[in-house]
Amino acid sequence: MSHFSTVKTQLRKKEYLKQALVDLGYAPKDGQNLVRGYRGQTVKAEMTVEMTQGADIGFRWNEGSKSYELVTDLDLWKQSIPVERFLAQVTQRYALNTVIDSTTQEGFQIAEQKENIDGSIELVVTRWDS
């Protein structure tokens, strides 16, 4: 019996997802890899994070929703934060990377980036017009 759970997300761009995981201190592996769970069970995912304790974390493409979904064995979740908080952090970093990339493409530069005590991130961008 499979113990894997999937959690839907709004994460659509692989490069921003990967950067978000790196920003949070994880070492994601790209490509078809296996997510390990209960008693050696595995499931395939397009991006995985091998964990030393508990189940691995994976993200696989859901063609129906055109987004990545989190896949892991929630019964073996041994991270320091609950899965909901982990996903909130990934989503926040994903959004930050998306905004930074979009504003850079529009000719803006990051003037200031500040992480507040409440966990929010302030970003100030500037652009010089001639």
N, C-alpha and C. Protein backbone atom coordinates (compact mmCIF):
# COMPACT_ATOMS: atom_id res chain seq x y z
N MET A 1 0.84 -1.19 0.00
CA MET A 1 0.00 0.00 0.00
C MET A 1 0.88 1.24 0.00
N SER A 2 0.60 2.14 -0.91
CA SER A 2 1.40 3.37 -1.02
C SER A 2 1.05 4.34 0.10
N HIS A 3 2.07 4.98 0.63
CA HIS A 3 1.88 5.98 1.67
C HIS A 3 2.16 7.38 1.15
N PHE A 4 2.34 7.51 -0.16
CA PHE A 4 2.68 8.81 -0.73
C PHE A 4 1.45 9.70 -0.81
N SER A 5 1.68 10.97 -0.50
CA SER A 5 0.63 11.97 -0.61
C SER A 5 1.07 13.02 -1.62
N THR A 6 0.12 13.61 -2.28
CA THR A 6 0.43 14.72 -3.19
C THR A 6 -0.30 15.96 -2.71
N VAL A 7 0.37 17.09 -2.88
CA VAL A 7 -0.20 18.37 -2.49
C VAL A 7 -0.14 19.28 -3.71
N LYS A 8 -1.29 19.78 -4.12
CA LYS A 8 -1.33 20.66 -5.29
C LYS A 8 -0.68 22.00 -4.97
N THR A 9 -0.05 22.58 -5.99
CA THR A 9 0.57 23.90 -5.85
C THR A 9 0.21 24.73 -7.08
N GLN A 10 0.67 25.96 -7.07
CA GLN A 10 0.54 26.85 -8.23
C GLN A 10 1.91 27.09 -8.86
N LEU A 11 2.87 26.22 -8.58
CA LEU A 11 4.24 26.37 -9.06
C LEU A 11 4.33 25.81 -10.47
N ARG A 12 4.61 26.67 -11.45
CA ARG A 12 4.56 26.26 -12.85
C ARG A 12 5.91 26.25 -13.55
N LYS A 13 6.84 27.05 -13.09
CA LYS A 13 8.15 27.18 -13.76
C LYS A 13 9.22 26.43 -12.97
N LYS A 14 9.82 25.44 -13.63
CA LYS A 14 10.78 24.58 -12.97
C LYS A 14 12.00 25.35 -12.45
N GLU A 15 12.50 26.32 -13.23
CA GLU A 15 13.70 27.04 -12.82
C GLU A 15 13.47 27.86 -11.55
N TYR A 16 12.28 28.43 -11.39
CA TYR A 16 11.99 29.20 -10.17
C TYR A 16 11.78 28.27 -8.97
N LEU A 17 11.18 27.11 -9.21
CA LEU A 17 11.02 26.11 -8.15
C LEU A 17 12.38 25.64 -7.66
N LYS A 18 13.26 25.31 -8.59
CA LYS A 18 14.59 24.84 -8.23
C LYS A 18 15.35 25.90 -7.43
N GLN A 19 15.29 27.16 -7.90
CA GLN A 19 15.98 28.25 -7.20
C GLN A 19 15.39 28.46 -5.81
N ALA A 20 14.09 28.33 -5.67
CA ALA A 20 13.44 28.48 -4.36
C ALA A 20 13.97 27.44 -3.38
N LEU A 21 14.10 26.20 -3.83
CA LEU A 21 14.63 25.13 -2.97
C LEU A 21 16.08 25.41 -2.59
N VAL A 22 16.87 25.87 -3.55
CA VAL A 22 18.28 26.21 -3.27
C VAL A 22 18.34 27.36 -2.25
N ASP A 23 17.50 28.37 -2.44
CA ASP A 23 17.46 29.52 -1.52
C ASP A 23 17.18 29.07 -0.08
N LEU A 24 16.39 28.01 0.05
CA LEU A 24 16.02 27.51 1.38
C LEU A 24 17.02 26.50 1.93
N GLY A 25 18.11 26.28 1.20
CA GLY A 25 19.18 25.42 1.71
C GLY A 25 19.10 23.96 1.28
N TYR A 26 18.24 23.65 0.35
CA TYR A 26 18.11 22.27 -0.13
C TYR A 26 18.96 22.09 -1.39
N ALA A 27 19.24 20.84 -1.73
CA ALA A 27 20.02 20.50 -2.93
C ALA A 27 19.14 19.67 -3.86
N PRO A 28 18.28 20.32 -4.66
CA PRO A 28 17.37 19.58 -5.52
C PRO A 28 18.09 18.92 -6.68
N LYS A 29 17.59 17.73 -7.06
CA LYS A 29 18.11 17.01 -8.23
C LYS A 29 17.06 17.12 -9.33
N ASP A 30 17.53 17.52 -10.50
CA ASP A 30 16.67 17.65 -11.68
C ASP A 30 16.56 16.32 -12.41
N GLY A 31 15.50 16.12 -13.16
CA GLY A 31 15.35 14.93 -13.98
C GLY A 31 14.53 13.87 -13.27
N GLN A 32 14.22 12.81 -13.99
CA GLN A 32 13.42 11.72 -13.42
C GLN A 32 14.21 11.00 -12.34
N ASN A 33 13.83 11.22 -11.10
CA ASN A 33 14.45 10.56 -9.95
C ASN A 33 13.37 9.92 -9.10
N LEU A 34 13.80 9.13 -8.15
CA LEU A 34 12.85 8.45 -7.28
C LEU A 34 12.76 9.15 -5.93
N VAL A 35 11.55 9.28 -5.44
CA VAL A 35 11.27 9.79 -4.10
C VAL A 35 11.07 8.56 -3.22
N ARG A 36 11.89 8.46 -2.16
CA ARG A 36 11.81 7.29 -1.28
C ARG A 36 10.82 7.55 -0.15
N GLY A 37 10.09 6.49 0.18
CA GLY A 37 9.11 6.59 1.25
C GLY A 37 9.13 5.36 2.14
N TYR A 38 7.99 5.01 2.67
CA TYR A 38 7.80 3.93 3.63
C TYR A 38 8.30 2.60 3.07
N ARG A 39 9.14 1.92 3.86
CA ARG A 39 9.66 0.59 3.54
C ARG A 39 10.24 0.48 2.13
N GLY A 40 10.96 1.51 1.73
CA GLY A 40 11.64 1.47 0.45
C GLY A 40 10.76 1.72 -0.77
N GLN A 41 9.49 2.03 -0.54
CA GLN A 41 8.63 2.35 -1.67
C GLN A 41 9.14 3.60 -2.36
N THR A 42 8.93 3.69 -3.66
CA THR A 42 9.37 4.86 -4.41
C THR A 42 8.29 5.31 -5.39
N VAL A 43 8.41 6.57 -5.78
CA VAL A 43 7.56 7.14 -6.81
C VAL A 43 8.44 8.11 -7.60
N LYS A 44 8.17 8.23 -8.91
CA LYS A 44 8.98 9.11 -9.75
C LYS A 44 8.55 10.57 -9.62
N ALA A 45 9.54 11.46 -9.75
CA ALA A 45 9.28 12.89 -9.74
C ALA A 45 10.33 13.58 -10.61
N GLU A 46 9.98 14.75 -11.13
CA GLU A 46 10.88 15.50 -12.01
C GLU A 46 11.95 16.27 -11.24
N MET A 47 11.69 16.53 -9.96
CA MET A 47 12.67 17.19 -9.11
C MET A 47 12.57 16.56 -7.71
N THR A 48 13.72 16.18 -7.16
CA THR A 48 13.71 15.53 -5.85
C THR A 48 14.73 16.17 -4.92
N VAL A 49 14.43 16.04 -3.64
CA VAL A 49 15.36 16.44 -2.59
C VAL A 49 15.51 15.23 -1.68
N GLU A 50 16.72 14.66 -1.66
CA GLU A 50 16.97 13.52 -0.80
C GLU A 50 17.14 14.01 0.64
N MET A 51 16.43 13.36 1.55
CA MET A 51 16.49 13.73 2.96
C MET A 51 17.18 12.62 3.75
N THR A 52 17.99 13.01 4.71
CA THR A 52 18.68 12.02 5.53
C THR A 52 17.74 11.42 6.57
N GLN A 53 16.76 12.19 7.00
CA GLN A 53 15.77 11.70 7.95
C GLN A 53 14.39 11.77 7.31
N GLY A 54 13.60 10.74 7.49
CA GLY A 54 12.25 10.75 6.95
C GLY A 54 12.24 10.51 5.46
N ALA A 55 11.11 10.83 4.87
CA ALA A 55 10.91 10.59 3.44
C ALA A 55 11.54 11.70 2.61
N ASP A 56 11.89 11.37 1.38
CA ASP A 56 12.37 12.37 0.43
C ASP A 56 11.23 13.30 0.05
N ILE A 57 11.59 14.41 -0.57
CA ILE A 57 10.62 15.38 -1.05
C ILE A 57 10.73 15.41 -2.57
N GLY A 58 9.61 15.36 -3.25
CA GLY A 58 9.62 15.40 -4.70
C GLY A 58 8.60 16.38 -5.24
N PHE A 59 8.84 16.81 -6.46
CA PHE A 59 7.89 17.63 -7.19
C PHE A 59 7.72 16.99 -8.56
N ARG A 60 6.48 16.71 -8.93
CA ARG A 60 6.23 16.12 -10.24
C ARG A 60 5.19 16.96 -10.97
N TRP A 61 5.33 16.95 -12.29
CA TRP A 61 4.47 17.74 -13.15
C TRP A 61 3.08 17.13 -13.23
N ASN A 62 2.07 17.94 -13.02
CA ASN A 62 0.68 17.51 -13.17
C ASN A 62 0.16 18.17 -14.44
N GLU A 63 0.00 17.38 -15.47
CA GLU A 63 -0.42 17.89 -16.78
C GLU A 63 -1.80 18.54 -16.71
N GLY A 64 -2.69 17.99 -15.89
CA GLY A 64 -4.04 18.54 -15.79
C GLY A 64 -4.08 19.96 -15.26
N SER A 65 -3.31 20.24 -14.21
CA SER A 65 -3.31 21.58 -13.62
C SER A 65 -2.18 22.45 -14.15
N LYS A 66 -1.32 21.86 -15.01
CA LYS A 66 -0.16 22.58 -15.56
C LYS A 66 0.70 23.20 -14.46
N SER A 67 0.95 22.40 -13.42
CA SER A 67 1.78 22.86 -12.31
C SER A 67 2.46 21.67 -11.64
N TYR A 68 3.45 21.97 -10.83
CA TYR A 68 4.13 20.93 -10.07
C TYR A 68 3.36 20.65 -8.79
N GLU A 69 3.33 19.39 -8.39
CA GLU A 69 2.71 19.02 -7.12
C GLU A 69 3.78 18.41 -6.23
N LEU A 70 3.66 18.68 -4.96
CA LEU A 70 4.57 18.10 -3.98
C LEU A 70 4.18 16.65 -3.76
N VAL A 71 5.16 15.76 -3.74
CA VAL A 71 4.88 14.35 -3.46
C VAL A 71 5.88 13.87 -2.39
N THR A 72 5.34 13.31 -1.33
CA THR A 72 6.17 12.81 -0.23
C THR A 72 5.33 11.85 0.61
N ASP A 73 5.98 11.12 1.48
CA ASP A 73 5.29 10.26 2.43
C ASP A 73 5.08 11.08 3.70
N LEU A 74 3.88 11.61 3.87
CA LEU A 74 3.61 12.50 5.01
C LEU A 74 3.72 11.80 6.35
N ASP A 75 3.54 10.48 6.37
CA ASP A 75 3.69 9.74 7.62
C ASP A 75 5.15 9.75 8.10
N LEU A 76 6.08 9.95 7.18
CA LEU A 76 7.50 9.96 7.52
C LEU A 76 8.10 11.36 7.49
N TRP A 77 7.28 12.40 7.45
CA TRP A 77 7.77 13.79 7.41
C TRP A 77 8.51 14.10 8.70
N LYS A 78 9.81 14.34 8.60
CA LYS A 78 10.64 14.57 9.78
C LYS A 78 11.34 15.93 9.74
N GLN A 79 10.81 16.87 8.94
CA GLN A 79 11.44 18.18 8.84
C GLN A 79 11.12 19.00 10.08
N SER A 80 11.87 20.07 10.27
CA SER A 80 11.71 20.90 11.47
C SER A 80 10.43 21.74 11.43
N ILE A 81 9.80 21.83 10.27
CA ILE A 81 8.55 22.58 10.13
C ILE A 81 7.51 21.68 9.47
N PRO A 82 6.23 21.95 9.72
CA PRO A 82 5.18 21.16 9.08
C PRO A 82 5.21 21.33 7.55
N VAL A 83 4.64 20.38 6.84
CA VAL A 83 4.66 20.40 5.38
C VAL A 83 3.98 21.66 4.84
N GLU A 84 2.94 22.14 5.51
CA GLU A 84 2.25 23.34 5.05
C GLU A 84 3.17 24.56 5.11
N ARG A 85 3.95 24.66 6.18
CA ARG A 85 4.89 25.79 6.33
C ARG A 85 6.03 25.66 5.31
N PHE A 86 6.51 24.44 5.08
CA PHE A 86 7.55 24.20 4.07
C PHE A 86 7.06 24.68 2.71
N LEU A 87 5.85 24.30 2.35
CA LEU A 87 5.31 24.68 1.05
C LEU A 87 5.08 26.19 0.97
N ALA A 88 4.69 26.81 2.07
CA ALA A 88 4.54 28.27 2.09
C ALA A 88 5.89 28.96 1.86
N GLN A 89 6.94 28.44 2.46
CA GLN A 89 8.27 29.02 2.26
C GLN A 89 8.74 28.84 0.81
N VAL A 90 8.52 27.67 0.25
CA VAL A 90 8.89 27.41 -1.14
C VAL A 90 8.12 28.36 -2.06
N THR A 91 6.83 28.51 -1.82
CA THR A 91 5.99 29.37 -2.64
C THR A 91 6.43 30.83 -2.55
N GLN A 92 6.79 31.27 -1.35
CA GLN A 92 7.26 32.65 -1.17
C GLN A 92 8.54 32.89 -1.96
N ARG A 93 9.49 31.96 -1.85
CA ARG A 93 10.76 32.10 -2.58
C ARG A 93 10.55 32.00 -4.09
N TYR A 94 9.64 31.14 -4.50
CA TYR A 94 9.29 31.01 -5.91
C TYR A 94 8.77 32.36 -6.43
N ALA A 95 7.86 32.97 -5.68
CA ALA A 95 7.30 34.26 -6.09
C ALA A 95 8.38 35.34 -6.13
N LEU A 96 9.26 35.35 -5.14
CA LEU A 96 10.35 36.33 -5.11
C LEU A 96 11.23 36.18 -6.35
N ASN A 97 11.62 34.96 -6.67
CA ASN A 97 12.47 34.72 -7.84
C ASN A 97 11.76 35.11 -9.14
N THR A 98 10.46 34.89 -9.20
CA THR A 98 9.68 35.28 -10.37
C THR A 98 9.68 36.80 -10.53
N VAL A 99 9.44 37.51 -9.44
CA VAL A 99 9.41 38.98 -9.47
C VAL A 99 10.79 39.54 -9.83
N ILE A 100 11.83 39.01 -9.23
CA ILE A 100 13.18 39.49 -9.52
C ILE A 100 13.51 39.29 -11.00
N ASP A 101 13.20 38.12 -11.53
CA ASP A 101 13.49 37.85 -12.94
C ASP A 101 12.68 38.77 -13.85
N SER A 102 11.41 38.93 -13.56
CA SER A 102 10.54 39.77 -14.40
C SER A 102 10.97 41.23 -14.38
N THR A 103 11.28 41.74 -13.20
CA THR A 103 11.68 43.14 -13.11
C THR A 103 13.04 43.37 -13.76
N THR A 104 13.94 42.42 -13.65
CA THR A 104 15.25 42.53 -14.30
C THR A 104 15.08 42.56 -15.82
N GLN A 105 14.20 41.73 -16.34
CA GLN A 105 13.94 41.72 -17.78
C GLN A 105 13.34 43.04 -18.26
N GLU A 106 12.63 43.72 -17.38
CA GLU A 106 12.03 45.02 -17.72
C GLU A 106 13.00 46.18 -17.52
N GLY A 107 14.25 45.86 -17.14
CA GLY A 107 15.27 46.90 -17.00
C GLY A 107 15.41 47.49 -15.60
N PHE A 108 14.75 46.87 -14.62
CA PHE A 108 14.87 47.35 -13.24
C PHE A 108 16.07 46.69 -12.57
N GLN A 109 16.56 47.35 -11.54
CA GLN A 109 17.63 46.78 -10.71
C GLN A 109 17.12 46.69 -9.28
N ILE A 110 17.60 45.68 -8.56
CA ILE A 110 17.22 45.52 -7.16
C ILE A 110 18.00 46.55 -6.35
N ALA A 111 17.28 47.48 -5.73
CA ALA A 111 17.92 48.50 -4.91
C ALA A 111 18.02 48.03 -3.46
N GLU A 112 17.02 47.27 -3.03
CA GLU A 112 17.01 46.82 -1.63
C GLU A 112 16.14 45.58 -1.52
N GLN A 113 16.61 44.63 -0.72
CA GLN A 113 15.84 43.43 -0.41
C GLN A 113 15.95 43.21 1.09
N LYS A 114 14.83 43.18 1.77
CA LYS A 114 14.82 43.10 3.22
C LYS A 114 13.86 42.01 3.68
N GLU A 115 14.36 41.13 4.54
CA GLU A 115 13.49 40.10 5.13
C GLU A 115 13.05 40.58 6.50
N ASN A 116 11.76 40.73 6.68
CA ASN A 116 11.20 41.26 7.93
C ASN A 116 11.04 40.16 8.98
N ILE A 117 10.87 40.59 10.20
CA ILE A 117 10.72 39.66 11.33
C ILE A 117 9.51 38.75 11.13
N ASP A 118 8.45 39.27 10.54
CA ASP A 118 7.23 38.48 10.33
C ASP A 118 7.34 37.48 9.18
N GLY A 119 8.53 37.44 8.51
CA GLY A 119 8.74 36.50 7.43
C GLY A 119 8.47 37.07 6.05
N SER A 120 7.89 38.27 5.99
CA SER A 120 7.64 38.89 4.69
C SER A 120 8.95 39.43 4.12
N ILE A 121 8.95 39.65 2.82
CA ILE A 121 10.13 40.15 2.12
C ILE A 121 9.76 41.44 1.41
N GLU A 122 10.53 42.49 1.68
CA GLU A 122 10.35 43.76 0.98
C GLU A 122 11.39 43.86 -0.12
N LEU A 123 10.94 44.29 -1.27
CA LEU A 123 11.82 44.42 -2.42
C LEU A 123 11.62 45.81 -3.00
N VAL A 124 12.72 46.54 -3.17
CA VAL A 124 12.68 47.86 -3.79
C VAL A 124 13.48 47.76 -5.08
N VAL A 125 12.83 48.13 -6.18
CA VAL A 125 13.51 48.10 -7.48
C VAL A 125 13.51 49.51 -8.08
N THR A 126 14.53 49.79 -8.87
CA THR A 126 14.64 51.09 -9.51
C THR A 126 15.01 50.91 -10.97
N ARG A 127 14.69 51.95 -11.75
CA ARG A 127 15.09 51.96 -13.14
C ARG A 127 15.36 53.40 -13.53
N TRP A 128 16.47 53.59 -14.17
CA TRP A 128 16.84 54.92 -14.64
C TRP A 128 16.41 55.06 -16.08
N ASP A 129 15.61 56.05 -16.35
CA ASP A 129 15.22 56.36 -17.72
C ASP A 129 16.04 57.55 -18.21
N SER A 130 16.47 57.48 -19.47
CA SER A 130 17.26 58.60 -19.98
C SER A 130 16.42 59.53 -20.82
